[in-house]
Amino acid sequence: MKKLPIGIQTFSEIIQNDYVYIDKTTDIHRLIESGKYYFLSRPRRFGKSLLLSTLSDVFKGNKDLFTGLAIESLPFAWKSHPVVLISFSDVAHMTPQDLKQSLRYKLDSIAADNNIELSKDLLLGDALQQLVKTIARSNQVVLLIDEYDYPILQHAHDIVVAQQMRDILKGFYGVIKGLDQHLKFVLLTGVSKFSQTSIFSGLNNLNDITLDDRFAHLLGYTRQDIATYLPDYLQQAAEHFNVSTEEGMLDQIAEWYDGYSFAPHVRRPDDNSAKIYNILKSITKKQKY
């Protein structure tokens, strides 16, 4: 059996080390071809970071990593674009000053990787502008932001600090819309809905696909995904729990975890096929052997 990529969020590592990868590239291709600016909200541990890593390799033109996956046979140019990927879970956020300094350090690190030196006294939004505009001299930039709301949510118990974090991020995200001609694709992910905050008031061209039927299966695993990509694990689980068939094991998983649905216009209370399960917990959490 192929190894399960528990805790691995890097697409290239999953592919190069022959871990199980449940192919989401049809949905990823649809996402790329359908628009330019996106926002996606999902619960934690749903694979948002892996999605951004996969998008990064797609836009960098690393076609060899996608051999045998659906996107390989779909019409796509595989042109190489510079990628700016920022994960706010990796940015210090104990205080507003920590957030400013750590985010500036991350921007400087990305700039250094592209042989660029940012001006020292720029505000964070201005530094992002300079970074994107300078990198885009070679080709339009792909901007991927993971856990956009992390610094705010970590201070949800302290409204004053949370508001300070929000104001910092509002100024940072607010410059993105003005960079349109320099950007190829933009995706921001997080846990909370941006419509419930004011931090994206200056970035009002994002397409919120959180409850878009077309992308309901972009993250997480359907019943069919588990049956198709994890048959050996499914059989092993059925034997362990003394369930007579794999289909019965899938029913048991549905009973344990219930599942999520992000397709409000096609959802039916009795339709388990439309439900999404969280990462690999459904097939592994109950197995204690």
C-alpha atoms as a PDB file:
ATOM      1  CA  MET A   1       0.000   0.000   0.000  1.00  0.00           C
ATOM      2  CA  LYS A   2       1.145   3.517  -0.692  1.00  0.00           C
ATOM      3  CA  LYS A   3       1.957   5.575   2.371  1.00  0.00           C
ATOM      4  CA  LEU A   4      -0.612   8.048   3.647  1.00  0.00           C
ATOM      5  CA  PRO A   5       0.646  11.662   3.622  1.00  0.00           C
ATOM      6  CA  ILE A   6      -0.407  12.392   7.208  1.00  0.00           C
ATOM      7  CA  GLY A   7       0.726  15.926   8.094  1.00  0.00           C
ATOM      8  CA  ILE A   8       2.441  16.511   4.723  1.00  0.00           C
ATOM      9  CA  GLN A   9       1.352  19.752   3.074  1.00  0.00           C
ATOM     10  CA  THR A  10       3.840  19.904   0.187  1.00  0.00           C
ATOM     11  CA  PHE A  11       2.548  18.565  -3.128  1.00  0.00           C
ATOM     12  CA  SER A  12       5.981  17.791  -4.591  1.00  0.00           C
ATOM     13  CA  GLU A  13       6.953  15.742  -1.531  1.00  0.00           C
ATOM     14  CA  ILE A  14       3.772  13.662  -1.806  1.00  0.00           C
ATOM     15  CA  ILE A  15       4.380  12.939  -5.487  1.00  0.00           C
ATOM     16  CA  GLN A  16       8.145  12.388  -5.364  1.00  0.00           C
ATOM     17  CA  ASN A  17       7.915  10.085  -2.343  1.00  0.00           C
ATOM     18  CA  ASP A  18       4.989   8.096  -3.754  1.00  0.00           C
ATOM     19  CA  TYR A  19       2.423   8.935  -1.087  1.00  0.00           C
ATOM     20  CA  VAL A  20      -1.275   8.602  -1.799  1.00  0.00           C
ATOM     21  CA  TYR A  21      -2.538  11.678  -3.633  1.00  0.00           C
ATOM     22  CA  ILE A  22      -6.275  11.996  -4.195  1.00  0.00           C
ATOM     23  CA  ASP A  23      -6.435  13.769  -7.518  1.00  0.00           C
ATOM     24  CA  LYS A  24      -8.036  17.198  -7.230  1.00  0.00           C
ATOM     25  CA  THR A  25      -6.481  18.585 -10.400  1.00  0.00           C
ATOM     26  CA  THR A  26      -9.696  18.586 -12.427  1.00  0.00           C
ATOM     27  CA  ASP A  27     -11.182  20.991  -9.875  1.00  0.00           C
ATOM     28  CA  ILE A  28      -7.915  22.953  -9.757  1.00  0.00           C
ATOM     29  CA  HIS A  29      -7.937  23.308 -13.543  1.00  0.00           C
ATOM     30  CA  ARG A  30     -11.558  24.501 -13.421  1.00  0.00           C
ATOM     31  CA  LEU A  31     -10.613  27.032 -10.750  1.00  0.00           C
ATOM     32  CA  ILE A  32      -7.743  28.434 -12.810  1.00  0.00           C
ATOM     33  CA  GLU A  33      -9.785  28.634 -15.991  1.00  0.00           C
ATOM     34  CA  SER A  34     -12.868  30.162 -14.341  1.00  0.00           C
ATOM     35  CA  GLY A  35     -11.409  33.355 -12.904  1.00  0.00           C
ATOM     36  CA  LYS A  36      -8.540  35.238 -11.305  1.00  0.00           C
ATOM     37  CA  TYR A  37      -9.370  36.406  -7.749  1.00  0.00           C
ATOM     38  CA  TYR A  38     -10.672  33.916  -5.194  1.00  0.00           C
ATOM     39  CA  PHE A  39     -11.404  33.485  -1.518  1.00  0.00           C
ATOM     40  CA  LEU A  40     -11.992  30.059   0.040  1.00  0.00           C
ATOM     41  CA  SER A  41     -12.986  29.327   3.618  1.00  0.00           C
ATOM     42  CA  ARG A  42     -12.738  25.834   5.098  1.00  0.00           C
ATOM     43  CA  PRO A  43     -12.330  24.379   8.608  1.00  0.00           C
ATOM     44  CA  ARG A  44      -8.836  23.620   9.860  1.00  0.00           C
ATOM     45  CA  ARG A  45      -7.073  20.439   8.741  1.00  0.00           C
ATOM     46  CA  PHE A  46      -8.962  20.381   5.458  1.00  0.00           C
ATOM     47  CA  GLY A  47      -5.989  20.561   3.096  1.00  0.00           C
ATOM     48  CA  LYS A  48      -5.914  24.275   2.294  1.00  0.00           C
ATOM     49  CA  SER A  49      -2.117  24.402   2.523  1.00  0.00           C
ATOM     50  CA  LEU A  50      -1.759  21.396   0.200  1.00  0.00           C
ATOM     51  CA  LEU A  51      -4.062  23.092  -2.296  1.00  0.00           C
ATOM     52  CA  LEU A  52      -1.853  26.187  -2.359  1.00  0.00           C
ATOM     53  CA  SER A  53       1.283  24.047  -2.691  1.00  0.00           C
ATOM     54  CA  THR A  54      -0.312  22.242  -5.646  1.00  0.00           C
ATOM     55  CA  LEU A  55      -1.310  25.526  -7.273  1.00  0.00           C
ATOM     56  CA  SER A  56       2.237  26.782  -6.789  1.00  0.00           C
ATOM     57  CA  ASP A  57       3.653  23.839  -8.745  1.00  0.00           C
ATOM     58  CA  VAL A  58       0.992  24.203 -11.454  1.00  0.00           C
ATOM     59  CA  PHE A  59       1.822  27.867 -12.018  1.00  0.00           C
ATOM     60  CA  LYS A  60       5.556  27.273 -11.852  1.00  0.00           C
ATOM     61  CA  GLY A  61       5.079  24.973 -14.818  1.00  0.00           C
ATOM     62  CA  ASN A  62       6.296  21.830 -13.037  1.00  0.00           C
ATOM     63  CA  LYS A  63       4.388  19.569 -15.414  1.00  0.00           C
ATOM     64  CA  ASP A  64       6.500  16.507 -14.609  1.00  0.00           C
ATOM     65  CA  LEU A  65       4.971  16.384 -11.103  1.00  0.00           C
ATOM     66  CA  PHE A  66       1.499  15.928 -12.614  1.00  0.00           C
ATOM     67  CA  THR A  67       2.216  12.879 -14.746  1.00  0.00           C
ATOM     68  CA  GLY A  68      -0.796  10.598 -14.638  1.00  0.00           C
ATOM     69  CA  LEU A  69      -3.049  13.179 -12.980  1.00  0.00           C
ATOM     70  CA  ALA A  70      -6.163  14.593 -14.614  1.00  0.00           C
ATOM     71  CA  ILE A  71      -4.701  18.006 -15.399  1.00  0.00           C
ATOM     72  CA  GLU A  72      -2.020  16.412 -17.597  1.00  0.00           C
ATOM     73  CA  SER A  73      -4.648  15.658 -20.247  1.00  0.00           C
ATOM     74  CA  LEU A  74      -6.526  18.958 -19.918  1.00  0.00           C
ATOM     75  CA  PRO A  75      -5.759  22.053 -22.033  1.00  0.00           C
ATOM     76  CA  PHE A  76      -3.217  24.081 -20.075  1.00  0.00           C
ATOM     77  CA  ALA A  77      -0.220  26.129 -21.241  1.00  0.00           C
ATOM     78  CA  TRP A  78       2.151  25.172 -18.370  1.00  0.00           C
ATOM     79  CA  LYS A  79       3.839  28.569 -18.544  1.00  0.00           C
ATOM     80  CA  SER A  80       6.111  29.392 -15.623  1.00  0.00           C
ATOM     81  CA  HIS A  81       4.946  32.238 -13.371  1.00  0.00           C
ATOM     82  CA  PRO A  82       6.685  33.579 -10.263  1.00  0.00           C
ATOM     83  CA  VAL A  83       4.764  32.612  -7.123  1.00  0.00           C
ATOM     84  CA  VAL A  84       4.479  34.608  -3.904  1.00  0.00           C
ATOM     85  CA  LEU A  85       3.188  32.236  -1.207  1.00  0.00           C
ATOM     86  CA  ILE A  86       2.585  33.588   2.293  1.00  0.00           C
ATOM     87  CA  SER A  87       1.261  31.439   5.135  1.00  0.00           C
ATOM     88  CA  PHE A  88       0.191  33.483   8.140  1.00  0.00           C
ATOM     89  CA  SER A  89       0.447  30.443  10.386  1.00  0.00           C
ATOM     90  CA  ASP A  90       4.228  30.876   9.955  1.00  0.00           C
ATOM     91  CA  VAL A  91       4.178  34.593  10.814  1.00  0.00           C
ATOM     92  CA  ALA A  92       4.778  35.684  14.427  1.00  0.00           C
ATOM     93  CA  HIS A  93       1.643  37.217  15.921  1.00  0.00           C
ATOM     94  CA  MET A  94       2.021  37.515  19.693  1.00  0.00           C
ATOM     95  CA  THR A  95       1.801  41.304  19.428  1.00  0.00           C
ATOM     96  CA  PRO A  96       0.974  43.728  16.602  1.00  0.00           C
ATOM     97  CA  GLN A  97       4.671  44.662  16.459  1.00  0.00           C
ATOM     98  CA  ASP A  98       5.601  41.000  16.108  1.00  0.00           C
ATOM     99  CA  LEU A  99       3.181  40.689  13.194  1.00  0.00           C
ATOM    100  CA  LYS A 100       4.648  43.728  11.426  1.00  0.00           C
ATOM    101  CA  GLN A 101       8.246  42.629  11.894  1.00  0.00           C
ATOM    102  CA  SER A 102       7.664  38.977  11.015  1.00  0.00           C
ATOM    103  CA  LEU A 103       5.590  39.757   7.926  1.00  0.00           C
ATOM    104  CA  ARG A 104       8.213  42.224   6.741  1.00  0.00           C
ATOM    105  CA  TYR A 105      10.893  39.550   7.284  1.00  0.00           C
ATOM    106  CA  LYS A 106       8.863  37.112   5.155  1.00  0.00           C
ATOM    107  CA  LEU A 107       8.510  39.674   2.358  1.00  0.00           C
ATOM    108  CA  ASP A 108      12.259  40.376   2.507  1.00  0.00           C
ATOM    109  CA  SER A 109      12.979  36.637   2.342  1.00  0.00           C
ATOM    110  CA  ILE A 110      10.794  36.212  -0.741  1.00  0.00           C
ATOM    111  CA  ALA A 111      12.467  39.245  -2.284  1.00  0.00           C
ATOM    112  CA  ALA A 112      15.944  37.815  -1.583  1.00  0.00           C
ATOM    113  CA  ASP A 113      14.947  34.525  -3.236  1.00  0.00           C
ATOM    114  CA  ASN A 114      14.173  36.575  -6.338  1.00  0.00           C
ATOM    115  CA  ASN A 115      17.380  38.671  -6.122  1.00  0.00           C
ATOM    116  CA  ILE A 116      15.442  41.756  -5.025  1.00  0.00           C
ATOM    117  CA  GLU A 117      16.061  44.144  -2.144  1.00  0.00           C
ATOM    118  CA  LEU A 118      13.014  45.970  -0.842  1.00  0.00           C
ATOM    119  CA  SER A 119      13.233  49.559   0.345  1.00  0.00           C
ATOM    120  CA  LYS A 120      13.755  49.624   4.101  1.00  0.00           C
ATOM    121  CA  ASP A 121      11.147  52.101   5.333  1.00  0.00           C
ATOM    122  CA  LEU A 122       8.087  50.958   3.395  1.00  0.00           C
ATOM    123  CA  LEU A 123       4.790  50.122   5.048  1.00  0.00           C
ATOM    124  CA  LEU A 124       3.816  46.473   4.703  1.00  0.00           C
ATOM    125  CA  GLY A 125       1.340  47.105   1.900  1.00  0.00           C
ATOM    126  CA  ASP A 126       3.868  49.232   0.019  1.00  0.00           C
ATOM    127  CA  ALA A 127       6.512  46.522   0.467  1.00  0.00           C
ATOM    128  CA  LEU A 128       4.121  43.952  -1.040  1.00  0.00           C
ATOM    129  CA  GLN A 129       3.466  46.301  -3.945  1.00  0.00           C
ATOM    130  CA  GLN A 130       7.173  46.771  -4.612  1.00  0.00           C
ATOM    131  CA  LEU A 131       7.791  43.031  -4.362  1.00  0.00           C
ATOM    132  CA  VAL A 132       5.029  42.056  -6.799  1.00  0.00           C
ATOM    133  CA  LYS A 133       5.756  44.828  -9.295  1.00  0.00           C
ATOM    134  CA  THR A 134       9.467  44.017  -9.379  1.00  0.00           C
ATOM    135  CA  ILE A 135       9.000  40.251  -9.721  1.00  0.00           C
ATOM    136  CA  ALA A 136       6.345  40.789 -12.405  1.00  0.00           C
ATOM    137  CA  ARG A 137       8.934  42.273 -14.756  1.00  0.00           C
ATOM    138  CA  SER A 138       9.612  38.699 -15.882  1.00  0.00           C
ATOM    139  CA  ASN A 139       5.995  37.470 -15.889  1.00  0.00           C
ATOM    140  CA  GLN A 140       2.729  38.059 -14.043  1.00  0.00           C
ATOM    141  CA  VAL A 141       2.817  36.928 -10.414  1.00  0.00           C
ATOM    142  CA  VAL A 142       0.672  34.317  -8.688  1.00  0.00           C
ATOM    143  CA  LEU A 143      -0.229  35.439  -5.148  1.00  0.00           C
ATOM    144  CA  LEU A 144      -1.271  32.723  -2.695  1.00  0.00           C
ATOM    145  CA  ILE A 145      -2.114  33.603   0.912  1.00  0.00           C
ATOM    146  CA  ASP A 146      -2.820  30.833   3.421  1.00  0.00           C
ATOM    147  CA  GLU A 147      -4.594  31.320   6.772  1.00  0.00           C
ATOM    148  CA  TYR A 148      -5.234  35.010   6.049  1.00  0.00           C
ATOM    149  CA  ASP A 149      -7.136  35.370   9.325  1.00  0.00           C
ATOM    150  CA  TYR A 150      -4.761  33.449  11.619  1.00  0.00           C
ATOM    151  CA  PRO A 151      -3.329  36.456  13.528  1.00  0.00           C
ATOM    152  CA  ILE A 152      -6.849  37.713  14.256  1.00  0.00           C
ATOM    153  CA  LEU A 153      -8.296  34.383  15.358  1.00  0.00           C
ATOM    154  CA  GLN A 154      -5.387  33.741  17.709  1.00  0.00           C
ATOM    155  CA  HIS A 155      -6.452  36.862  19.635  1.00  0.00           C
ATOM    156  CA  ALA A 156     -10.207  36.321  19.512  1.00  0.00           C
ATOM    157  CA  HIS A 157     -10.204  36.427  23.332  1.00  0.00           C
ATOM    158  CA  ASP A 158      -8.716  39.948  23.322  1.00  0.00           C
ATOM    159  CA  ILE A 159     -10.833  42.252  21.184  1.00  0.00           C
ATOM    160  CA  VAL A 160      -8.378  45.170  21.353  1.00  0.00           C
ATOM    161  CA  VAL A 161      -5.421  43.171  20.044  1.00  0.00           C
ATOM    162  CA  ALA A 162      -7.631  41.382  17.503  1.00  0.00           C
ATOM    163  CA  GLN A 163      -8.716  44.759  16.107  1.00  0.00           C
ATOM    164  CA  GLN A 164      -5.096  45.898  15.917  1.00  0.00           C
ATOM    165  CA  MET A 165      -4.220  42.754  13.982  1.00  0.00           C
ATOM    166  CA  ARG A 166      -7.195  43.337  11.703  1.00  0.00           C
ATOM    167  CA  ASP A 167      -6.095  46.902  10.955  1.00  0.00           C
ATOM    168  CA  ILE A 168      -2.561  45.763  10.065  1.00  0.00           C
ATOM    169  CA  LEU A 169      -3.904  43.093   7.709  1.00  0.00           C
ATOM    170  CA  LYS A 170      -6.456  45.473   6.221  1.00  0.00           C
ATOM    171  CA  GLY A 171      -3.639  47.767   5.098  1.00  0.00           C
ATOM    172  CA  PHE A 172      -1.649  44.816   3.771  1.00  0.00           C
ATOM    173  CA  TYR A 173      -4.455  43.208   1.754  1.00  0.00           C
ATOM    174  CA  GLY A 174      -5.810  46.550   0.585  1.00  0.00           C
ATOM    175  CA  VAL A 175      -3.028  47.053  -1.975  1.00  0.00           C
ATOM    176  CA  ILE A 176      -3.702  43.811  -3.860  1.00  0.00           C
ATOM    177  CA  LYS A 177      -6.517  45.174  -6.023  1.00  0.00           C
ATOM    178  CA  GLY A 178      -4.241  47.921  -7.368  1.00  0.00           C
ATOM    179  CA  LEU A 179      -1.744  45.292  -8.537  1.00  0.00           C
ATOM    180  CA  ASP A 180      -4.155  43.780 -11.043  1.00  0.00           C
ATOM    181  CA  GLN A 181      -2.001  44.210 -14.149  1.00  0.00           C
ATOM    182  CA  HIS A 182       0.908  42.500 -12.398  1.00  0.00           C
ATOM    183  CA  LEU A 183      -1.068  39.492 -11.133  1.00  0.00           C
ATOM    184  CA  LYS A 184      -1.973  36.272 -12.924  1.00  0.00           C
ATOM    185  CA  PHE A 185      -3.962  34.585 -10.157  1.00  0.00           C
ATOM    186  CA  VAL A 186      -4.858  35.283  -6.509  1.00  0.00           C
ATOM    187  CA  LEU A 187      -6.234  32.917  -3.859  1.00  0.00           C
ATOM    188  CA  LEU A 188      -6.677  33.627  -0.164  1.00  0.00           C
ATOM    189  CA  THR A 189      -7.740  30.890   2.238  1.00  0.00           C
ATOM    190  CA  GLY A 190      -8.834  30.977   5.846  1.00  0.00           C
ATOM    191  CA  VAL A 191     -11.250  29.667   8.438  1.00  0.00           C
ATOM    192  CA  SER A 192     -13.591  32.636   8.822  1.00  0.00           C
ATOM    193  CA  LYS A 193     -15.733  34.298   6.160  1.00  0.00           C
ATOM    194  CA  PHE A 194     -14.175  37.587   5.015  1.00  0.00           C
ATOM    195  CA  SER A 195     -17.631  39.140   4.628  1.00  0.00           C
ATOM    196  CA  GLN A 196     -17.869  39.127   8.419  1.00  0.00           C
ATOM    197  CA  THR A 197     -14.854  41.418   8.807  1.00  0.00           C
ATOM    198  CA  SER A 198     -13.787  44.701   7.250  1.00  0.00           C
ATOM    199  CA  ILE A 199     -10.234  43.714   6.361  1.00  0.00           C
ATOM    200  CA  PHE A 200     -11.080  43.125   2.696  1.00  0.00           C
ATOM    201  CA  SER A 201     -12.977  46.364   2.162  1.00  0.00           C
ATOM    202  CA  GLY A 202     -10.253  47.473  -0.244  1.00  0.00           C
ATOM    203  CA  LEU A 203     -10.101  44.066  -1.914  1.00  0.00           C
ATOM    204  CA  ASN A 204     -13.712  43.778  -2.974  1.00  0.00           C
ATOM    205  CA  ASN A 205     -13.132  41.868  -6.212  1.00  0.00           C
ATOM    206  CA  LEU A 206     -12.571  38.472  -4.587  1.00  0.00           C
ATOM    207  CA  ASN A 207     -14.886  35.690  -5.719  1.00  0.00           C
ATOM    208  CA  ASP A 208     -15.975  33.798  -2.598  1.00  0.00           C
ATOM    209  CA  ILE A 209     -16.164  30.128  -3.635  1.00  0.00           C
ATOM    210  CA  THR A 210     -16.739  28.799  -0.106  1.00  0.00           C
ATOM    211  CA  LEU A 211     -20.255  27.607  -0.977  1.00  0.00           C
ATOM    212  CA  ASP A 212     -19.865  27.417  -4.745  1.00  0.00           C
ATOM    213  CA  ASP A 213     -21.247  24.104  -6.029  1.00  0.00           C
ATOM    214  CA  ARG A 214     -18.536  23.920  -8.708  1.00  0.00           C
ATOM    215  CA  PHE A 215     -15.795  23.748  -6.085  1.00  0.00           C
ATOM    216  CA  ALA A 216     -17.567  21.838  -3.325  1.00  0.00           C
ATOM    217  CA  HIS A 217     -15.119  18.915  -3.706  1.00  0.00           C
ATOM    218  CA  LEU A 218     -11.973  20.998  -4.146  1.00  0.00           C
ATOM    219  CA  LEU A 219     -10.831  20.036  -0.634  1.00  0.00           C
ATOM    220  CA  GLY A 220     -11.603  17.010   1.478  1.00  0.00           C
ATOM    221  CA  TYR A 221     -12.527  13.513   0.328  1.00  0.00           C
ATOM    222  CA  THR A 222     -15.821  12.189  -0.974  1.00  0.00           C
ATOM    223  CA  ARG A 223     -17.093   8.672  -0.423  1.00  0.00           C
ATOM    224  CA  GLN A 224     -16.043   7.855  -3.986  1.00  0.00           C
ATOM    225  CA  ASP A 225     -12.559   9.297  -3.403  1.00  0.00           C
ATOM    226  CA  ILE A 226     -12.028   6.978  -0.442  1.00  0.00           C
ATOM    227  CA  ALA A 227     -13.234   3.946  -2.410  1.00  0.00           C
ATOM    228  CA  THR A 228     -11.108   4.829  -5.450  1.00  0.00           C
ATOM    229  CA  TYR A 229      -7.828   5.936  -3.895  1.00  0.00           C
ATOM    230  CA  LEU A 230      -7.775   4.069  -0.577  1.00  0.00           C
ATOM    231  CA  PRO A 231      -9.202   0.609  -1.360  1.00  0.00           C
ATOM    232  CA  ASP A 232      -6.526  -1.316   0.567  1.00  0.00           C
ATOM    233  CA  TYR A 233      -6.948   0.851   3.647  1.00  0.00           C
ATOM    234  CA  LEU A 234     -10.709   0.562   3.333  1.00  0.00           C
ATOM    235  CA  GLN A 235     -10.493  -3.228   3.190  1.00  0.00           C
ATOM    236  CA  GLN A 236      -8.078  -3.268   6.131  1.00  0.00           C
ATOM    237  CA  ALA A 237     -10.453  -1.132   8.172  1.00  0.00           C
ATOM    238  CA  ALA A 238     -13.410  -3.364   7.245  1.00  0.00           C
ATOM    239  CA  GLU A 239     -11.524  -6.438   8.442  1.00  0.00           C
ATOM    240  CA  HIS A 240     -10.445  -4.743  11.644  1.00  0.00           C
ATOM    241  CA  PHE A 241     -13.960  -3.628  12.539  1.00  0.00           C
ATOM    242  CA  ASN A 242     -15.542  -6.871  11.326  1.00  0.00           C
ATOM    243  CA  VAL A 243     -17.595  -5.136   8.651  1.00  0.00           C
ATOM    244  CA  SER A 244     -18.587  -7.486   5.836  1.00  0.00           C
ATOM    245  CA  THR A 245     -18.039  -5.177   2.831  1.00  0.00           C
ATOM    246  CA  GLU A 246     -16.118  -2.057   1.877  1.00  0.00           C
ATOM    247  CA  GLU A 247     -19.456  -0.424   1.123  1.00  0.00           C
ATOM    248  CA  GLY A 248     -20.521  -1.183   4.659  1.00  0.00           C
ATOM    249  CA  MET A 249     -17.273   0.333   5.911  1.00  0.00           C
ATOM    250  CA  LEU A 250     -18.045   3.509   3.990  1.00  0.00           C
ATOM    251  CA  ASP A 251     -21.447   3.588   5.673  1.00  0.00           C
ATOM    252  CA  GLN A 252     -19.696   3.200   9.038  1.00  0.00           C
ATOM    253  CA  ILE A 253     -17.341   6.091   8.235  1.00  0.00           C
ATOM    254  CA  ALA A 254     -20.355   8.236   7.320  1.00  0.00           C
ATOM    255  CA  GLU A 255     -21.962   7.364  10.654  1.00  0.00           C
ATOM    256  CA  TRP A 256     -18.791   8.186  12.623  1.00  0.00           C
ATOM    257  CA  TYR A 257     -17.946  11.464  10.953  1.00  0.00           C
ATOM    258  CA  ASP A 258     -21.222  12.598   9.356  1.00  0.00           C
ATOM    259  CA  GLY A 259     -19.288  14.729   6.875  1.00  0.00           C
ATOM    260  CA  TYR A 260     -19.557  18.250   5.523  1.00  0.00           C
ATOM    261  CA  SER A 261     -21.419  19.634   2.548  1.00  0.00           C
ATOM    262  CA  PHE A 262     -20.312  22.775   0.717  1.00  0.00           C
ATOM    263  CA  ALA A 263     -22.783  22.504  -2.170  1.00  0.00           C
ATOM    264  CA  PRO A 264     -25.964  24.150  -0.846  1.00  0.00           C
ATOM    265  CA  HIS A 265     -27.845  24.017  -4.149  1.00  0.00           C
ATOM    266  CA  VAL A 266     -27.471  20.264  -4.658  1.00  0.00           C
ATOM    267  CA  ARG A 267     -27.415  19.059  -1.062  1.00  0.00           C
ATOM    268  CA  ARG A 268     -29.933  16.509   0.126  1.00  0.00           C
ATOM    269  CA  PRO A 269     -30.052  15.298   3.738  1.00  0.00           C
ATOM    270  CA  ASP A 270     -29.871  11.655   2.607  1.00  0.00           C
ATOM    271  CA  ASP A 271     -27.145  12.120  -0.040  1.00  0.00           C
ATOM    272  CA  ASN A 272     -23.917  10.761   1.447  1.00  0.00           C
ATOM    273  CA  SER A 273     -22.192  10.836  -1.949  1.00  0.00           C
ATOM    274  CA  ALA A 274     -22.073  14.642  -1.822  1.00  0.00           C
ATOM    275  CA  LYS A 275     -20.498  14.753   1.625  1.00  0.00           C
ATOM    276  CA  ILE A 276     -16.881  15.684   2.216  1.00  0.00           C
ATOM    277  CA  TYR A 277     -14.673  14.107   4.876  1.00  0.00           C
ATOM    278  CA  ASN A 278     -11.815  15.800   6.658  1.00  0.00           C
ATOM    279  CA  ILE A 279      -8.274  14.891   5.425  1.00  0.00           C
ATOM    280  CA  LEU A 280      -7.465  11.248   6.233  1.00  0.00           C
ATOM    281  CA  LYS A 281      -9.108  11.102   9.645  1.00  0.00           C
ATOM    282  CA  SER A 282     -12.055   9.147   8.292  1.00  0.00           C
ATOM    283  CA  ILE A 283      -9.923   6.152   7.365  1.00  0.00           C
ATOM    284  CA  THR A 284      -7.289   6.306  10.079  1.00  0.00           C
ATOM    285  CA  LYS A 285      -8.562   7.852  13.304  1.00  0.00           C
ATOM    286  CA  LYS A 286     -10.631   4.855  14.364  1.00  0.00           C
ATOM    287  CA  GLN A 287      -7.836   2.412  13.573  1.00  0.00           C
ATOM    288  CA  LYS A 288      -5.825   1.843  16.750  1.00  0.00           C
ATOM    289  CA  TYR A 289      -3.835  -1.203  15.700  1.00  0.00           C
END
